[in-house]
């Protein structure tokens, strides 16, 4: 059996909790899941999933178009408060 070493990861507590819950439902702990991730990364010679920028959906494009035509949405703003007021209008 291979010798194992400790590793420290910094992760948001809620993300860790959700991941631990998911992996537990799959019958493994965080350590096992992390090991699987590394093995898959080595197998794929990169990340074992697609990394991309999501294209906005039609609703987002429509909201962007409305905002583009809204005179109150254009800066420059004198303060963050002014910008937030314009966003909340």
PDB file of N, CA and C in Angstrom:
ATOM      1  N   UNK A   1       0.830  -1.173   0.000  1.00  0.00           N
ATOM      2  CA  UNK A   1       0.000   0.000   0.000  1.00  0.00           C
ATOM      3  C   UNK A   1       0.882   1.246   0.000  1.00  0.00           C
ATOM      4  N   UNK A   2       0.490   2.247  -0.783  1.00  0.00           N
ATOM      5  CA  UNK A   2       1.275   3.463  -0.914  1.00  0.00           C
ATOM      6  C   UNK A   2       1.205   4.293   0.363  1.00  0.00           C
ATOM      7  N   UNK A   3       2.307   4.964   0.653  1.00  0.00           N
ATOM      8  CA  UNK A   3       2.334   5.877   1.786  1.00  0.00           C
ATOM      9  C   UNK A   3       1.516   7.108   1.443  1.00  0.00           C
ATOM     10  N   UNK A   4       0.757   7.598   2.409  1.00  0.00           N
ATOM     11  CA  UNK A   4      -0.083   8.770   2.182  1.00  0.00           C
ATOM     12  C   UNK A   4       0.460   9.945   2.972  1.00  0.00           C
ATOM     13  N   UNK A   5       0.286  11.144   2.431  1.00  0.00           N
ATOM     14  CA  UNK A   5       0.710  12.379   3.084  1.00  0.00           C
ATOM     15  C   UNK A   5      -0.511  13.238   3.355  1.00  0.00           C
ATOM     16  N   UNK A   6      -0.417  14.084   4.348  1.00  0.00           N
ATOM     17  CA  UNK A   6      -1.479  15.027   4.654  1.00  0.00           C
ATOM     18  C   UNK A   6      -1.421  16.219   3.716  1.00  0.00           C
ATOM     19  N   UNK A   7      -2.591  16.820   3.479  1.00  0.00           N
ATOM     20  CA  UNK A   7      -2.686  18.000   2.644  1.00  0.00           C
ATOM     21  C   UNK A   7      -3.728  18.914   3.273  1.00  0.00           C
ATOM     22  N   UNK A   8      -3.490  20.211   3.233  1.00  0.00           N
ATOM     23  CA  UNK A   8      -4.427  21.176   3.780  1.00  0.00           C
ATOM     24  C   UNK A   8      -5.060  21.956   2.633  1.00  0.00           C
ATOM     25  N   UNK A   9      -6.389  22.032   2.646  1.00  0.00           N
ATOM     26  CA  UNK A   9      -7.123  22.798   1.646  1.00  0.00           C
ATOM     27  C   UNK A   9      -7.888  23.905   2.348  1.00  0.00           C
ATOM     28  N   UNK A  10      -7.965  25.071   1.705  1.00  0.00           N
ATOM     29  CA  UNK A  10      -8.775  26.162   2.230  1.00  0.00           C
ATOM     30  C   UNK A  10     -10.046  26.211   1.395  1.00  0.00           C
ATOM     31  N   UNK A  11     -11.182  26.059   2.063  1.00  0.00           N
ATOM     32  CA  UNK A  11     -12.458  25.994   1.365  1.00  0.00           C
ATOM     33  C   UNK A  11     -13.541  26.590   2.258  1.00  0.00           C
ATOM     34  N   UNK A  12     -14.529  27.204   1.642  1.00  0.00           N
ATOM     35  CA  UNK A  12     -15.622  27.783   2.406  1.00  0.00           C
ATOM     36  C   UNK A  12     -16.343  26.679   3.186  1.00  0.00           C
ATOM     37  N   UNK A  13     -16.699  26.942   4.437  1.00  0.00           N
ATOM     38  CA  UNK A  13     -17.337  25.916   5.266  1.00  0.00           C
ATOM     39  C   UNK A  13     -18.615  25.335   4.657  1.00  0.00           C
ATOM     40  N   UNK A  14     -19.452  26.174   4.077  1.00  0.00           N
ATOM     41  CA  UNK A  14     -20.716  25.680   3.513  1.00  0.00           C
ATOM     42  C   UNK A  14     -20.457  24.790   2.298  1.00  0.00           C
ATOM     43  N   UNK A  15     -19.491  25.158   1.468  1.00  0.00           N
ATOM     44  CA  UNK A  15     -19.136  24.330   0.315  1.00  0.00           C
ATOM     45  C   UNK A  15     -18.603  22.979   0.779  1.00  0.00           C
ATOM     46  N   UNK A  16     -17.776  23.007   1.807  1.00  0.00           N
ATOM     47  CA  UNK A  16     -17.236  21.761   2.363  1.00  0.00           C
ATOM     48  C   UNK A  16     -18.357  20.878   2.898  1.00  0.00           C
ATOM     49  N   UNK A  17     -19.303  21.491   3.628  1.00  0.00           N
ATOM     50  CA  UNK A  17     -20.415  20.729   4.198  1.00  0.00           C
ATOM     51  C   UNK A  17     -21.246  20.072   3.099  1.00  0.00           C
ATOM     52  N   UNK A  18     -21.577  20.851   2.069  1.00  0.00           N
ATOM     53  CA  UNK A  18     -22.390  20.322   0.974  1.00  0.00           C
ATOM     54  C   UNK A  18     -21.650  19.204   0.230  1.00  0.00           C
ATOM     55  N   UNK A  19     -20.355  19.401  -0.008  1.00  0.00           N
ATOM     56  CA  UNK A  19     -19.576  18.381  -0.702  1.00  0.00           C
ATOM     57  C   UNK A  19     -19.474  17.113   0.141  1.00  0.00           C
ATOM     58  N   UNK A  20     -19.223  17.269   1.436  1.00  0.00           N
ATOM     59  CA  UNK A  20     -19.118  16.106   2.322  1.00  0.00           C
ATOM     60  C   UNK A  20     -20.426  15.322   2.331  1.00  0.00           C
ATOM     61  N   UNK A  21     -21.544  16.042   2.342  1.00  0.00           N
ATOM     62  CA  UNK A  21     -22.857  15.400   2.327  1.00  0.00           C
ATOM     63  C   UNK A  21     -23.066  14.624   1.018  1.00  0.00           C
ATOM     64  N   UNK A  22     -22.717  15.248  -0.093  1.00  0.00           N
ATOM     65  CA  UNK A  22     -22.839  14.588  -1.395  1.00  0.00           C
ATOM     66  C   UNK A  22     -21.971  13.332  -1.449  1.00  0.00           C
ATOM     67  N   UNK A  23     -20.698  13.475  -1.077  1.00  0.00           N
ATOM     68  CA  UNK A  23     -19.789  12.334  -1.171  1.00  0.00           C
ATOM     69  C   UNK A  23     -20.189  11.222  -0.212  1.00  0.00           C
ATOM     70  N   UNK A  24     -20.720  11.600   0.958  1.00  0.00           N
ATOM     71  CA  UNK A  24     -21.189  10.581   1.897  1.00  0.00           C
ATOM     72  C   UNK A  24     -22.325   9.777   1.272  1.00  0.00           C
ATOM     73  N   UNK A  25     -23.211  10.466   0.533  1.00  0.00           N
ATOM     74  CA  UNK A  25     -24.314   9.753  -0.113  1.00  0.00           C
ATOM     75  C   UNK A  25     -23.801   8.809  -1.200  1.00  0.00           C
ATOM     76  N   UNK A  26     -22.589   9.076  -1.684  1.00  0.00           N
ATOM     77  CA  UNK A  26     -21.953   8.197  -2.680  1.00  0.00           C
ATOM     78  C   UNK A  26     -21.053   7.154  -2.024  1.00  0.00           C
ATOM     79  N   UNK A  27     -21.013   7.161  -0.688  1.00  0.00           N
ATOM     80  CA  UNK A  27     -20.244   6.154   0.038  1.00  0.00           C
ATOM     81  C   UNK A  27     -18.769   6.468   0.194  1.00  0.00           C
ATOM     82  N   UNK A  28     -18.416   7.751   0.169  1.00  0.00           N
ATOM     83  CA  UNK A  28     -17.001   8.102   0.331  1.00  0.00           C
ATOM     84  C   UNK A  28     -16.862   9.362   1.170  1.00  0.00           C
ATOM     85  N   UNK A  29     -15.654   9.596   1.655  1.00  0.00           N
ATOM     86  CA  UNK A  29     -15.389  10.807   2.413  1.00  0.00           C
ATOM     87  C   UNK A  29     -14.678  11.827   1.517  1.00  0.00           C
ATOM     88  N   UNK A  30     -14.413  13.013   2.074  1.00  0.00           N
ATOM     89  CA  UNK A  30     -13.762  14.067   1.292  1.00  0.00           C
ATOM     90  C   UNK A  30     -12.379  13.655   0.802  1.00  0.00           C
ATOM     91  N   UNK A  31     -11.643  12.937   1.603  1.00  0.00           N
ATOM     92  CA  UNK A  31     -10.303  12.500   1.228  1.00  0.00           C
ATOM     93  C   UNK A  31     -10.346  11.577   0.004  1.00  0.00           C
ATOM     94  N   UNK A  32     -11.262  10.627   0.017  1.00  0.00           N
ATOM     95  CA  UNK A  32     -11.407   9.698  -1.113  1.00  0.00           C
ATOM     96  C   UNK A  32     -11.832  10.449  -2.369  1.00  0.00           C
ATOM     97  N   UNK A  33     -12.801  11.374  -2.224  1.00  0.00           N
ATOM     98  CA  UNK A  33     -13.275  12.148  -3.378  1.00  0.00           C
ATOM     99  C   UNK A  33     -12.157  13.009  -3.955  1.00  0.00           C
ATOM    100  N   UNK A  34     -11.355  13.607  -3.086  1.00  0.00           N
ATOM    101  CA  UNK A  34     -10.232  14.426  -3.554  1.00  0.00           C
ATOM    102  C   UNK A  34      -9.215  13.567  -4.305  1.00  0.00           C
ATOM    103  N   UNK A  35      -8.947  12.381  -3.785  1.00  0.00           N
ATOM    104  CA  UNK A  35      -8.032  11.460  -4.472  1.00  0.00           C
ATOM    105  C   UNK A  35      -8.555  11.070  -5.850  1.00  0.00           C
ATOM    106  N   UNK A  36      -9.858  10.829  -5.953  1.00  0.00           N
ATOM    107  CA  UNK A  36     -10.463  10.505  -7.248  1.00  0.00           C
ATOM    108  C   UNK A  36     -10.293  11.671  -8.213  1.00  0.00           C
ATOM    109  N   UNK A  37     -10.506  12.903  -7.716  1.00  0.00           N
ATOM    110  CA  UNK A  37     -10.331  14.078  -8.563  1.00  0.00           C
ATOM    111  C   UNK A  37      -8.911  14.126  -9.128  1.00  0.00           C
ATOM    112  N   UNK A  38      -7.894  13.946  -8.285  1.00  0.00           N
ATOM    113  CA  UNK A  38      -6.512  13.988  -8.751  1.00  0.00           C
ATOM    114  C   UNK A  38      -6.216  12.876  -9.751  1.00  0.00           C
ATOM    115  N   UNK A  39      -6.731  11.674  -9.494  1.00  0.00           N
ATOM    116  CA  UNK A  39      -6.494  10.575 -10.442  1.00  0.00           C
ATOM    117  C   UNK A  39      -7.123  10.871 -11.803  1.00  0.00           C
ATOM    118  N   UNK A  40      -8.340  11.431 -11.791  1.00  0.00           N
ATOM    119  CA  UNK A  40      -8.996  11.787 -13.043  1.00  0.00           C
ATOM    120  C   UNK A  40      -8.250  12.910 -13.763  1.00  0.00           C
ATOM    121  N   UNK A  41      -7.749  13.899 -13.018  1.00  0.00           N
ATOM    122  CA  UNK A  41      -6.981  14.986 -13.629  1.00  0.00           C
ATOM    123  C   UNK A  41      -5.733  14.434 -14.315  1.00  0.00           C
ATOM    124  N   UNK A  42      -5.072  13.480 -13.664  1.00  0.00           N
ATOM    125  CA  UNK A  42      -3.890  12.863 -14.276  1.00  0.00           C
ATOM    126  C   UNK A  42      -4.281  12.064 -15.513  1.00  0.00           C
ATOM    127  N   UNK A  43      -5.397  11.364 -15.454  1.00  0.00           N
ATOM    128  CA  UNK A  43      -5.869  10.576 -16.594  1.00  0.00           C
ATOM    129  C   UNK A  43      -6.194  11.470 -17.790  1.00  0.00           C
ATOM    130  N   UNK A  44      -6.839  12.634 -17.528  1.00  0.00           N
ATOM    131  CA  UNK A  44      -7.239  13.548 -18.591  1.00  0.00           C
ATOM    132  C   UNK A  44      -6.120  14.510 -18.998  1.00  0.00           C
ATOM    133  N   UNK A  45      -5.037  14.527 -18.222  1.00  0.00           N
ATOM    134  CA  UNK A  45      -3.961  15.502 -18.429  1.00  0.00           C
ATOM    135  C   UNK A  45      -4.512  16.924 -18.338  1.00  0.00           C
ATOM    136  N   UNK A  46      -5.389  17.143 -17.383  1.00  0.00           N
ATOM    137  CA  UNK A  46      -6.019  18.443 -17.160  1.00  0.00           C
ATOM    138  C   UNK A  46      -7.200  18.263 -16.239  1.00  0.00           C
ATOM    139  N   UNK A  47      -8.016  19.273 -16.172  1.00  0.00           N
ATOM    140  CA  UNK A  47      -9.208  19.162 -15.337  1.00  0.00           C
ATOM    141  C   UNK A  47     -10.159  18.135 -15.933  1.00  0.00           C
ATOM    142  N   UNK A  48     -10.753  17.294 -15.097  1.00  0.00           N
ATOM    143  CA  UNK A  48     -11.618  16.232 -15.621  1.00  0.00           C
ATOM    144  C   UNK A  48     -13.045  16.688 -15.921  1.00  0.00           C
ATOM    145  N   UNK A  49     -13.192  17.948 -16.267  1.00  0.00           N
ATOM    146  CA  UNK A  49     -14.493  18.498 -16.645  1.00  0.00           C
ATOM    147  C   UNK A  49     -14.230  19.744 -17.472  1.00  0.00           C
ATOM    148  N   UNK A  50     -15.247  20.178 -18.179  1.00  0.00           N
ATOM    149  CA  UNK A  50     -15.119  21.346 -19.045  1.00  0.00           C
ATOM    150  C   UNK A  50     -15.122  22.621 -18.200  1.00  0.00           C
ATOM    151  N   UNK A  51     -14.188  23.515 -18.497  1.00  0.00           N
ATOM    152  CA  UNK A  51     -14.136  24.816 -17.849  1.00  0.00           C
ATOM    153  C   UNK A  51     -14.407  25.842 -18.933  1.00  0.00           C
ATOM    154  N   UNK A  52     -15.483  26.609 -18.737  1.00  0.00           N
ATOM    155  CA  UNK A  52     -15.861  27.565 -19.770  1.00  0.00           C
ATOM    156  C   UNK A  52     -16.624  28.719 -19.157  1.00  0.00           C
ATOM    157  N   UNK A  53     -16.782  29.755 -19.930  1.00  0.00           N
ATOM    158  CA  UNK A  53     -17.594  30.891 -19.523  1.00  0.00           C
ATOM    159  C   UNK A  53     -18.984  30.646 -20.067  1.00  0.00           C
ATOM    160  N   UNK A  54     -19.978  30.664 -19.180  1.00  0.00           N
ATOM    161  CA  UNK A  54     -21.353  30.440 -19.615  1.00  0.00           C
ATOM    162  C   UNK A  54     -21.848  31.628 -20.429  1.00  0.00           C
ATOM    163  N   UNK A  55     -22.548  31.326 -21.487  1.00  0.00           N
ATOM    164  CA  UNK A  55     -23.182  32.342 -22.318  1.00  0.00           C
ATOM    165  C   UNK A  55     -24.468  32.768 -21.627  1.00  0.00           C
ATOM    166  N   UNK A  56     -24.724  34.088 -21.523  1.00  0.00           N
ATOM    167  CA  UNK A  56     -25.989  34.518 -20.906  1.00  0.00           C
ATOM    168  C   UNK A  56     -27.197  33.972 -21.664  1.00  0.00           C
ATOM    169  N   UNK A  57     -28.286  33.721 -20.928  1.00  0.00           N
ATOM    170  CA  UNK A  57     -29.505  33.236 -21.571  1.00  0.00           C
ATOM    171  C   UNK A  57     -30.312  34.420 -22.112  1.00  0.00           C
ATOM    172  N   UNK A  58     -31.418  34.142 -22.779  1.00  0.00           N
ATOM    173  CA  UNK A  58     -32.221  35.183 -23.427  1.00  0.00           C
ATOM    174  C   UNK A  58     -32.749  36.206 -22.423  1.00  0.00           C
ATOM    175  N   UNK A  59     -33.150  35.757 -21.245  1.00  0.00           N
ATOM    176  CA  UNK A  59     -33.641  36.677 -20.216  1.00  0.00           C
ATOM    177  C   UNK A  59     -32.560  37.680 -19.826  1.00  0.00           C
ATOM    178  N   UNK A  60     -31.342  37.191 -19.671  1.00  0.00           N
ATOM    179  CA  UNK A  60     -30.229  38.073 -19.317  1.00  0.00           C
ATOM    180  C   UNK A  60     -29.945  39.064 -20.435  1.00  0.00           C
ATOM    181  N   UNK A  61     -29.957  38.577 -21.682  1.00  0.00           N
ATOM    182  CA  UNK A  61     -29.733  39.484 -22.814  1.00  0.00           C
ATOM    183  C   UNK A  61     -30.800  40.573 -22.860  1.00  0.00           C
ATOM    184  N   UNK A  62     -32.062  40.223 -22.596  1.00  0.00           N
ATOM    185  CA  UNK A  62     -33.135  41.217 -22.594  1.00  0.00           C
ATOM    186  C   UNK A  62     -32.919  42.246 -21.487  1.00  0.00           C
ATOM    187  N   UNK A  63     -32.524  41.791 -20.312  1.00  0.00           N
ATOM    188  CA  UNK A  63     -32.263  42.709 -19.193  1.00  0.00           C
ATOM    189  C   UNK A  63     -31.098  43.636 -19.522  1.00  0.00           C
ATOM    190  N   UNK A  64     -30.079  43.107 -20.190  1.00  0.00           N
ATOM    191  CA  UNK A  64     -28.932  43.919 -20.586  1.00  0.00           C
ATOM    192  C   UNK A  64     -29.357  44.991 -21.589  1.00  0.00           C
ATOM    193  N   UNK A  65     -30.232  44.625 -22.506  1.00  0.00           N
ATOM    194  CA  UNK A  65     -30.716  45.565 -23.510  1.00  0.00           C
ATOM    195  C   UNK A  65     -31.518  46.686 -22.859  1.00  0.00           C
ATOM    196  N   UNK A  66     -32.389  46.329 -21.898  1.00  0.00           N
ATOM    197  CA  UNK A  66     -33.173  47.330 -21.184  1.00  0.00           C
ATOM    198  C   UNK A  66     -32.241  48.274 -20.426  1.00  0.00           C
ATOM    199  N   UNK A  67     -31.253  47.710 -19.737  1.00  0.00           N
ATOM    200  CA  UNK A  67     -30.313  48.518 -18.960  1.00  0.00           C
ATOM    201  C   UNK A  67     -29.496  49.434 -19.869  1.00  0.00           C
ATOM    202  N   UNK A  68     -29.154  48.961 -21.052  1.00  0.00           N
ATOM    203  CA  UNK A  68     -28.365  49.750 -21.998  1.00  0.00           C
ATOM    204  C   UNK A  68     -29.115  51.010 -22.418  1.00  0.00           C
ATOM    205  N   UNK A  69     -30.433  50.917 -22.527  1.00  0.00           N
ATOM    206  CA  UNK A  69     -31.254  52.046 -22.958  1.00  0.00           C
ATOM    207  C   UNK A  69     -31.723  52.921 -21.793  1.00  0.00           C
ATOM    208  N   UNK A  70     -31.402  52.543 -20.579  1.00  0.00           N
ATOM    209  CA  UNK A  70     -31.828  53.277 -19.389  1.00  0.00           C
ATOM    210  C   UNK A  70     -30.783  54.341 -19.064  1.00  0.00           C
ATOM    211  N   UNK A  71     -31.160  55.599 -19.226  1.00  0.00           N
ATOM    212  CA  UNK A  71     -30.234  56.706 -19.001  1.00  0.00           C
ATOM    213  C   UNK A  71     -29.678  56.727 -17.578  1.00  0.00           C
ATOM    214  N   UNK A  72     -30.486  56.269 -16.603  1.00  0.00           N
ATOM    215  CA  UNK A  72     -30.046  56.293 -15.205  1.00  0.00           C
ATOM    216  C   UNK A  72     -28.970  55.255 -14.904  1.00  0.00           C
ATOM    217  N   UNK A  73     -28.762  54.311 -15.810  1.00  0.00           N
ATOM    218  CA  UNK A  73     -27.814  53.226 -15.556  1.00  0.00           C
ATOM    219  C   UNK A  73     -26.397  53.554 -16.021  1.00  0.00           C
ATOM    220  N   UNK A  74     -26.203  54.685 -16.678  1.00  0.00           N
ATOM    221  CA  UNK A  74     -24.879  55.008 -17.204  1.00  0.00           C
ATOM    222  C   UNK A  74     -24.127  55.902 -16.244  1.00  0.00           C
ATOM    223  N   UNK A  75     -22.877  55.582 -16.035  1.00  0.00           N
ATOM    224  CA  UNK A  75     -22.019  56.388 -15.172  1.00  0.00           C
ATOM    225  C   UNK A  75     -21.357  57.483 -15.976  1.00  0.00           C
ATOM    226  N   UNK A  76     -20.382  58.127 -15.455  1.00  0.00           N
ATOM    227  CA  UNK A  76     -19.785  57.764 -14.161  1.00  0.00           C
ATOM    228  C   UNK A  76     -20.666  58.210 -12.995  1.00  0.00           C
ATOM    229  N   UNK A  77     -20.520  57.507 -11.897  1.00  0.00           N
ATOM    230  CA  UNK A  77     -21.254  57.826 -10.687  1.00  0.00           C
ATOM    231  C   UNK A  77     -20.310  58.509  -9.719  1.00  0.00           C
ATOM    232  N   UNK A  78     -20.859  59.368  -8.887  1.00  0.00           N
ATOM    233  CA  UNK A  78     -20.041  60.094  -7.914  1.00  0.00           C
ATOM    234  C   UNK A  78     -19.674  59.250  -6.705  1.00  0.00           C
ATOM    235  N   UNK A  79     -20.453  58.182  -6.494  1.00  0.00           N
ATOM    236  CA  UNK A  79     -20.174  57.320  -5.350  1.00  0.00           C
ATOM    237  C   UNK A  79     -20.789  55.947  -5.602  1.00  0.00           C
ATOM    238  N   UNK A  80     -20.387  54.999  -4.787  1.00  0.00           N
ATOM    239  CA  UNK A  80     -20.976  53.665  -4.855  1.00  0.00           C
ATOM    240  C   UNK A  80     -22.456  53.756  -4.495  1.00  0.00           C
ATOM    241  N   UNK A  81     -22.784  54.624  -3.544  1.00  0.00           N
ATOM    242  CA  UNK A  81     -24.183  54.792  -3.139  1.00  0.00           C
ATOM    243  C   UNK A  81     -25.026  55.262  -4.313  1.00  0.00           C
ATOM    244  N   UNK A  82     -24.499  56.213  -5.115  1.00  0.00           N
ATOM    245  CA  UNK A  82     -25.223  56.687  -6.290  1.00  0.00           C
ATOM    246  C   UNK A  82     -25.431  55.551  -7.314  1.00  0.00           C
ATOM    247  N   UNK A  83     -24.401  54.749  -7.506  1.00  0.00           N
ATOM    248  CA  UNK A  83     -24.509  53.634  -8.443  1.00  0.00           C
ATOM    249  C   UNK A  83     -25.539  52.620  -7.949  1.00  0.00           C
ATOM    250  N   UNK A  84     -25.508  52.315  -6.640  1.00  0.00           N
ATOM    251  CA  UNK A  84     -26.457  51.356  -6.093  1.00  0.00           C
ATOM    252  C   UNK A  84     -27.891  51.903  -6.184  1.00  0.00           C
ATOM    253  N   UNK A  85     -28.054  53.195  -6.001  1.00  0.00           N
ATOM    254  CA  UNK A  85     -29.366  53.806  -6.116  1.00  0.00           C
ATOM    255  C   UNK A  85     -29.894  53.660  -7.548  1.00  0.00           C
ATOM    256  N   UNK A  86     -29.016  53.859  -8.536  1.00  0.00           N
ATOM    257  CA  UNK A  86     -29.411  53.698  -9.925  1.00  0.00           C
ATOM    258  C   UNK A  86     -29.769  52.244 -10.222  1.00  0.00           C
ATOM    259  N   UNK A  87     -29.025  51.307  -9.650  1.00  0.00           N
ATOM    260  CA  UNK A  87     -29.302  49.890  -9.878  1.00  0.00           C
ATOM    261  C   UNK A  87     -30.611  49.474  -9.241  1.00  0.00           C
ATOM    262  N   UNK A  88     -30.941  50.055  -8.107  1.00  0.00           N
ATOM    263  CA  UNK A  88     -32.162  49.686  -7.388  1.00  0.00           C
ATOM    264  C   UNK A  88     -33.395  50.442  -7.856  1.00  0.00           C
ATOM    265  N   UNK A  89     -33.215  51.418  -8.737  1.00  0.00           N
ATOM    266  CA  UNK A  89     -34.352  52.235  -9.197  1.00  0.00           C
ATOM    267  C   UNK A  89     -35.327  51.429 -10.003  1.00  0.00           C
TER     268      UNK A  89
END
